[in-house]
Amino acid sequence: MRAGQRIAVALLLAIAVFALLAPWLSGGDPARQQLERFLEGPSLTHPLGLDHLGRDMLARLAHGARLSLSLALLSVMSAAIPGTALGLLAAWHGGWLERALSAIADAVLALPGLLLVLLLAAFAPGGFWPLYVGIALALWVEYFRVARAAARILLAGPQVEASRMLGFAAGYIVRRQLLPELLPRLFTLMRFGFAGAVLAMSALGFVGVGLQPPTPELGVMMIELLPYYSEAPWLIGSPVLLLFLTLLGLLLLSREQEPA
């Protein structure tokens, strides 16, 4: 394992442990307000201080990290599985099915991903499902195109041709000969997609079209705390630093895993 990969794994594990254990360790309720403790500084009881409504920043940051990471993971998996399956289906059958699926993928690709999320958010402002569905719809095209292009080359190779002549079923060929070659590329794509989903969710929350206050989400926390950056810079610095470290770990891991 290379040095960059070790750093990336350590960062991501630390963030995951923080998201899971910090609320339990702090005992703080992310929604509990103590207005008389406005912008209170860090202390032993509240290591990251209290925000403008007297809410515990450690608990809110941990809940925000958990929400962002879980939504990103759900969106990436919801895009990767059907996208890969449709790419394999198009490459296997070819003909009109491949042309139809490619046309749908090109139509989705013509729309910017954030615009697609914004269109869905208009039906349910501040809801969870527009973010999830929009990010998944924007990401599945990448898996479809990569899986289709790679599978077309593999299906024309001598190993697959020999397996077909010997009468092996399609499931065996996909499981034994296609997926082992595709998975390294797909995992790299998933890591970049995960980073993009985390960033998209935070960006939408920051501009006010994603999740809405008082939901403890990283982008929402940034826009809530921005007016107080001069009085309590550590408050807005916390979600910014957490987002930076998360993206750094994911992108560093992706670069280290790229094929030579």
Protein backbone atom coordinates (compact mmCIF):
# COMPACT_ATOMS: atom_id res chain seq x y z
CA MET A 1 0.00 0.00 0.00
CA ARG A 2 1.48 3.35 -1.08
CA ALA A 3 1.87 6.34 1.23
CA GLY A 4 -0.91 8.32 -0.45
CA GLN A 5 -3.28 5.41 -0.20
CA ARG A 6 -2.50 4.93 3.50
CA ILE A 7 -3.19 8.61 4.17
CA ALA A 8 -6.47 8.44 2.26
CA VAL A 9 -7.66 5.33 4.09
CA ALA A 10 -6.70 6.83 7.46
CA LEU A 11 -8.57 10.06 6.68
CA LEU A 12 -11.73 8.29 5.57
CA LEU A 13 -11.69 5.89 8.51
CA ALA A 14 -11.23 8.78 10.94
CA ILE A 15 -14.15 10.66 9.39
CA ALA A 16 -16.37 7.56 9.47
CA VAL A 17 -15.50 6.91 13.14
CA PHE A 18 -16.16 10.55 13.97
CA ALA A 19 -19.55 10.48 12.24
CA LEU A 20 -20.56 7.32 14.08
CA LEU A 21 -19.16 7.95 17.55
CA ALA A 22 -19.03 11.72 18.09
CA PRO A 23 -22.75 12.15 18.97
CA TRP A 24 -22.50 9.30 21.48
CA LEU A 25 -19.29 10.66 23.00
CA SER A 26 -20.52 14.24 23.24
CA GLY A 27 -24.03 13.30 24.33
CA GLY A 28 -25.24 16.38 22.46
CA ASP A 29 -28.55 16.79 20.67
CA PRO A 30 -27.90 18.54 17.31
CA ALA A 31 -31.30 20.28 17.49
CA ARG A 32 -31.23 21.40 21.13
CA GLN A 33 -31.07 25.20 21.39
CA GLN A 34 -29.59 27.24 24.24
CA LEU A 35 -30.09 30.82 23.10
CA GLU A 36 -28.42 32.28 26.20
CA ARG A 37 -25.14 30.57 25.13
CA PHE A 38 -24.91 32.37 21.78
CA LEU A 39 -21.60 31.61 19.95
CA GLU A 40 -19.99 30.10 23.01
CA GLY A 41 -16.38 29.10 22.42
CA PRO A 42 -14.89 25.59 22.60
CA SER A 43 -14.73 23.93 26.02
CA LEU A 44 -14.28 20.47 27.51
CA THR A 45 -18.05 19.97 27.46
CA HIS A 46 -18.44 21.29 23.90
CA PRO A 47 -15.09 20.81 22.08
CA LEU A 48 -16.22 22.71 18.97
CA GLY A 49 -18.30 25.31 20.79
CA LEU A 50 -21.94 26.29 20.28
CA ASP A 51 -23.43 27.94 17.20
CA HIS A 52 -25.60 31.06 16.88
CA LEU A 53 -28.57 29.22 18.37
CA GLY A 54 -26.60 27.56 21.12
CA ARG A 55 -26.53 24.14 19.46
CA ASP A 56 -23.62 21.79 20.00
CA MET A 57 -21.34 22.00 16.97
CA LEU A 58 -19.68 18.64 17.54
CA ALA A 59 -23.02 16.83 17.45
CA ARG A 60 -24.22 18.82 14.43
CA LEU A 61 -21.00 18.25 12.52
CA ALA A 62 -21.10 14.50 13.19
CA HIS A 63 -24.74 14.28 12.07
CA GLY A 64 -23.91 16.35 8.98
CA ALA A 65 -21.03 14.05 8.08
CA ARG A 66 -23.22 10.98 8.57
CA LEU A 67 -26.00 12.45 6.42
CA SER A 68 -23.68 13.54 3.60
CA LEU A 69 -21.74 10.27 3.50
CA SER A 70 -24.82 8.04 3.66
CA LEU A 71 -26.66 9.98 0.94
CA ALA A 72 -23.58 9.97 -1.29
CA LEU A 73 -23.11 6.22 -0.81
CA LEU A 74 -26.78 5.51 -1.51
CA SER A 75 -26.73 7.68 -4.64
CA VAL A 76 -23.54 6.12 -5.99
CA MET A 77 -24.76 2.56 -5.44
CA SER A 78 -28.14 3.41 -7.00
CA ALA A 79 -26.30 4.73 -10.06
CA ALA A 80 -23.54 2.12 -10.33
CA ILE A 81 -25.65 -1.05 -10.20
CA PRO A 82 -28.28 -0.21 -12.87
CA GLY A 83 -25.77 1.77 -14.95
CA THR A 84 -23.37 -1.16 -15.12
CA ALA A 85 -26.18 -3.64 -15.75
CA LEU A 86 -27.59 -1.56 -18.62
CA GLY A 87 -24.10 -1.11 -20.10
CA LEU A 88 -23.52 -4.86 -20.10
CA LEU A 89 -26.99 -5.45 -21.57
CA ALA A 90 -26.39 -2.95 -24.37
CA ALA A 91 -22.98 -4.43 -25.23
CA TRP A 92 -24.30 -8.01 -25.12
CA HIS A 93 -27.37 -7.52 -27.34
CA GLY A 94 -26.28 -4.57 -29.49
CA GLY A 95 -28.65 -3.47 -32.26
CA TRP A 96 -31.70 -1.37 -31.50
CA LEU A 97 -31.45 -1.95 -27.74
CA GLU A 98 -27.94 -0.51 -27.61
CA ARG A 99 -28.97 2.45 -29.76
CA ALA A 100 -32.00 3.17 -27.57
CA LEU A 101 -30.06 2.99 -24.30
CA SER A 102 -27.26 5.10 -25.75
CA ALA A 103 -29.77 7.74 -26.86
CA ILE A 104 -31.26 7.89 -23.35
CA ALA A 105 -27.78 8.17 -21.84
CA ASP A 106 -26.84 10.97 -24.25
CA ALA A 107 -30.05 12.84 -23.41
CA VAL A 108 -29.32 12.64 -19.67
CA LEU A 109 -25.69 13.60 -20.27
CA ALA A 110 -26.79 16.73 -22.14
CA LEU A 111 -28.27 18.08 -18.89
CA PRO A 112 -25.82 19.30 -16.22
CA GLY A 113 -26.11 17.14 -13.11
CA LEU A 114 -26.88 20.02 -10.75
CA LEU A 115 -29.56 21.30 -13.12
CA LEU A 116 -31.25 17.90 -13.01
CA VAL A 117 -31.25 18.02 -9.21
CA LEU A 118 -32.65 21.56 -9.28
CA LEU A 119 -35.49 20.48 -11.56
CA LEU A 120 -36.45 17.69 -9.16
CA ALA A 121 -36.04 19.94 -6.12
CA ALA A 122 -38.74 22.21 -7.53
CA PHE A 123 -41.30 19.46 -6.83
CA ALA A 124 -40.26 19.01 -3.18
CA PRO A 125 -38.15 21.93 -1.91
CA GLY A 126 -35.87 20.89 0.93
CA GLY A 127 -36.74 17.22 0.55
CA PHE A 128 -34.37 14.28 0.74
CA TRP A 129 -35.55 12.36 -2.32
CA PRO A 130 -34.84 15.07 -4.98
CA LEU A 131 -31.18 15.08 -3.95
CA TYR A 132 -30.97 11.30 -3.95
CA VAL A 133 -32.81 10.76 -7.24
CA GLY A 134 -31.14 13.70 -8.99
CA ILE A 135 -27.59 12.68 -8.06
CA ALA A 136 -28.25 9.03 -8.96
CA LEU A 137 -29.75 9.99 -12.35
CA ALA A 138 -26.79 12.24 -13.09
CA LEU A 139 -24.23 9.55 -12.22
CA TRP A 140 -25.61 6.37 -13.83
CA VAL A 141 -24.60 7.49 -17.34
CA GLU A 142 -20.90 7.28 -16.50
CA TYR A 143 -21.19 3.65 -15.39
CA PHE A 144 -23.28 2.81 -18.44
CA ARG A 145 -20.77 4.26 -20.89
CA VAL A 146 -17.71 2.72 -19.23
CA ALA A 147 -19.33 -0.70 -18.85
CA ARG A 148 -20.64 -0.74 -22.43
CA ALA A 149 -17.34 0.35 -24.01
CA ALA A 150 -15.24 -2.11 -22.00
CA ALA A 151 -17.70 -4.99 -22.40
CA ARG A 152 -17.83 -4.62 -26.19
CA ILE A 153 -14.07 -5.16 -26.36
CA LEU A 154 -14.16 -8.08 -23.93
CA LEU A 155 -17.08 -9.77 -25.70
CA ALA A 156 -15.12 -9.77 -28.95
CA GLY A 157 -12.12 -11.41 -27.29
CA PRO A 158 -11.11 -15.06 -27.71
CA GLN A 159 -11.91 -16.05 -24.12
CA VAL A 160 -15.56 -15.06 -24.36
CA GLU A 161 -15.86 -16.58 -27.82
CA ALA A 162 -14.48 -19.86 -26.50
CA SER A 163 -16.90 -19.80 -23.56
CA ARG A 164 -19.84 -19.27 -25.91
CA MET A 165 -18.74 -22.15 -28.15
CA LEU A 166 -18.49 -24.39 -25.08
CA GLY A 167 -22.05 -23.52 -24.17
CA PHE A 168 -21.48 -21.49 -20.99
CA ALA A 169 -24.46 -19.36 -19.96
CA ALA A 170 -24.49 -15.57 -20.06
CA GLY A 171 -24.43 -15.36 -16.27
CA TYR A 172 -21.22 -17.39 -16.10
CA ILE A 173 -19.52 -15.24 -18.75
CA VAL A 174 -20.51 -12.00 -17.01
CA ARG A 175 -19.49 -13.25 -13.57
CA ARG A 176 -16.22 -14.92 -14.54
CA GLN A 177 -14.91 -12.96 -17.50
CA LEU A 178 -16.52 -9.52 -17.68
CA LEU A 179 -16.89 -8.35 -14.08
CA PRO A 180 -13.30 -9.17 -12.99
CA GLU A 181 -12.05 -6.88 -15.78
CA LEU A 182 -14.66 -4.18 -15.17
CA LEU A 183 -14.62 -3.91 -11.38
CA PRO A 184 -11.29 -2.02 -10.99
CA ARG A 185 -12.50 0.68 -13.41
CA LEU A 186 -15.92 0.82 -11.80
CA PHE A 187 -14.48 1.13 -8.28
CA THR A 188 -12.33 4.06 -9.39
CA LEU A 189 -15.40 5.65 -10.98
CA MET A 190 -17.37 5.08 -7.78
CA ARG A 191 -14.77 6.85 -5.67
CA PHE A 192 -14.86 9.90 -7.94
CA GLY A 193 -18.67 9.71 -7.99
CA PHE A 194 -18.80 9.54 -4.20
CA ALA A 195 -16.65 12.67 -3.93
CA GLY A 196 -18.82 14.44 -6.51
CA ALA A 197 -22.02 13.49 -4.67
CA VAL A 198 -20.71 14.81 -1.33
CA LEU A 199 -19.64 18.06 -2.99
CA ALA A 200 -22.93 18.44 -4.90
CA MET A 201 -25.00 17.92 -1.78
CA SER A 202 -22.99 20.51 0.16
CA ALA A 203 -23.08 23.00 -2.73
CA LEU A 204 -26.86 22.71 -3.06
CA GLY A 205 -27.29 23.14 0.68
CA PHE A 206 -25.02 26.20 0.60
CA VAL A 207 -27.07 27.95 -2.08
CA GLY A 208 -30.32 27.10 -0.29
CA VAL A 209 -31.89 24.63 -2.72
CA GLY A 210 -30.86 21.39 -0.99
CA LEU A 211 -31.79 20.33 2.50
CA GLN A 212 -33.11 23.14 4.68
CA PRO A 213 -32.39 24.31 8.24
CA PRO A 214 -32.42 23.04 10.93
CA THR A 215 -31.15 19.85 9.21
CA PRO A 216 -27.48 19.41 10.22
CA GLU A 217 -25.96 19.12 6.74
CA LEU A 218 -22.52 20.49 5.83
CA GLY A 219 -23.66 22.98 3.19
CA VAL A 220 -26.60 24.14 5.31
CA MET A 221 -24.29 24.64 8.29
CA MET A 222 -21.91 26.74 6.18
CA ILE A 223 -24.61 29.15 4.99
CA GLU A 224 -26.09 29.39 8.49
CA LEU A 225 -22.72 30.22 10.07
CA LEU A 226 -21.33 32.46 7.32
CA PRO A 227 -22.67 35.71 8.90
CA TYR A 228 -20.70 34.94 12.07
CA TYR A 229 -17.33 34.13 10.50
CA SER A 230 -15.63 37.21 12.00
CA GLU A 231 -16.95 36.60 15.51
CA ALA A 232 -16.51 32.80 15.62
CA PRO A 233 -14.37 31.63 12.68
CA TRP A 234 -13.95 28.17 14.20
CA LEU A 235 -17.66 27.47 13.67
CA ILE A 236 -17.70 27.83 9.88
CA GLY A 237 -14.19 26.40 9.72
CA SER A 238 -15.38 23.06 11.12
CA PRO A 239 -17.74 22.01 8.25
CA VAL A 240 -15.36 23.47 5.66
CA LEU A 241 -12.44 21.46 7.05
CA LEU A 242 -14.50 18.27 7.29
CA LEU A 243 -15.68 18.62 3.68
CA PHE A 244 -12.12 19.33 2.52
CA LEU A 245 -10.68 16.29 4.31
CA THR A 246 -13.44 14.02 2.98
CA LEU A 247 -12.88 15.11 -0.62
CA LEU A 248 -9.10 14.95 -0.19
CA GLY A 249 -9.28 11.37 1.09
CA LEU A 250 -11.60 10.23 -1.70
CA LEU A 251 -9.67 11.90 -4.51
CA LEU A 252 -6.30 10.80 -3.17
CA LEU A 253 -7.55 7.21 -2.90
CA SER A 254 -8.91 7.39 -6.45
CA ARG A 255 -5.64 8.66 -7.87
CA GLU A 256 -3.67 5.99 -6.07
CA GLN A 257 -5.97 3.30 -7.45
CA GLU A 258 -5.89 4.43 -11.08
CA PRO A 259 -4.44 1.79 -13.39
CA ALA A 260 -0.98 2.46 -14.73
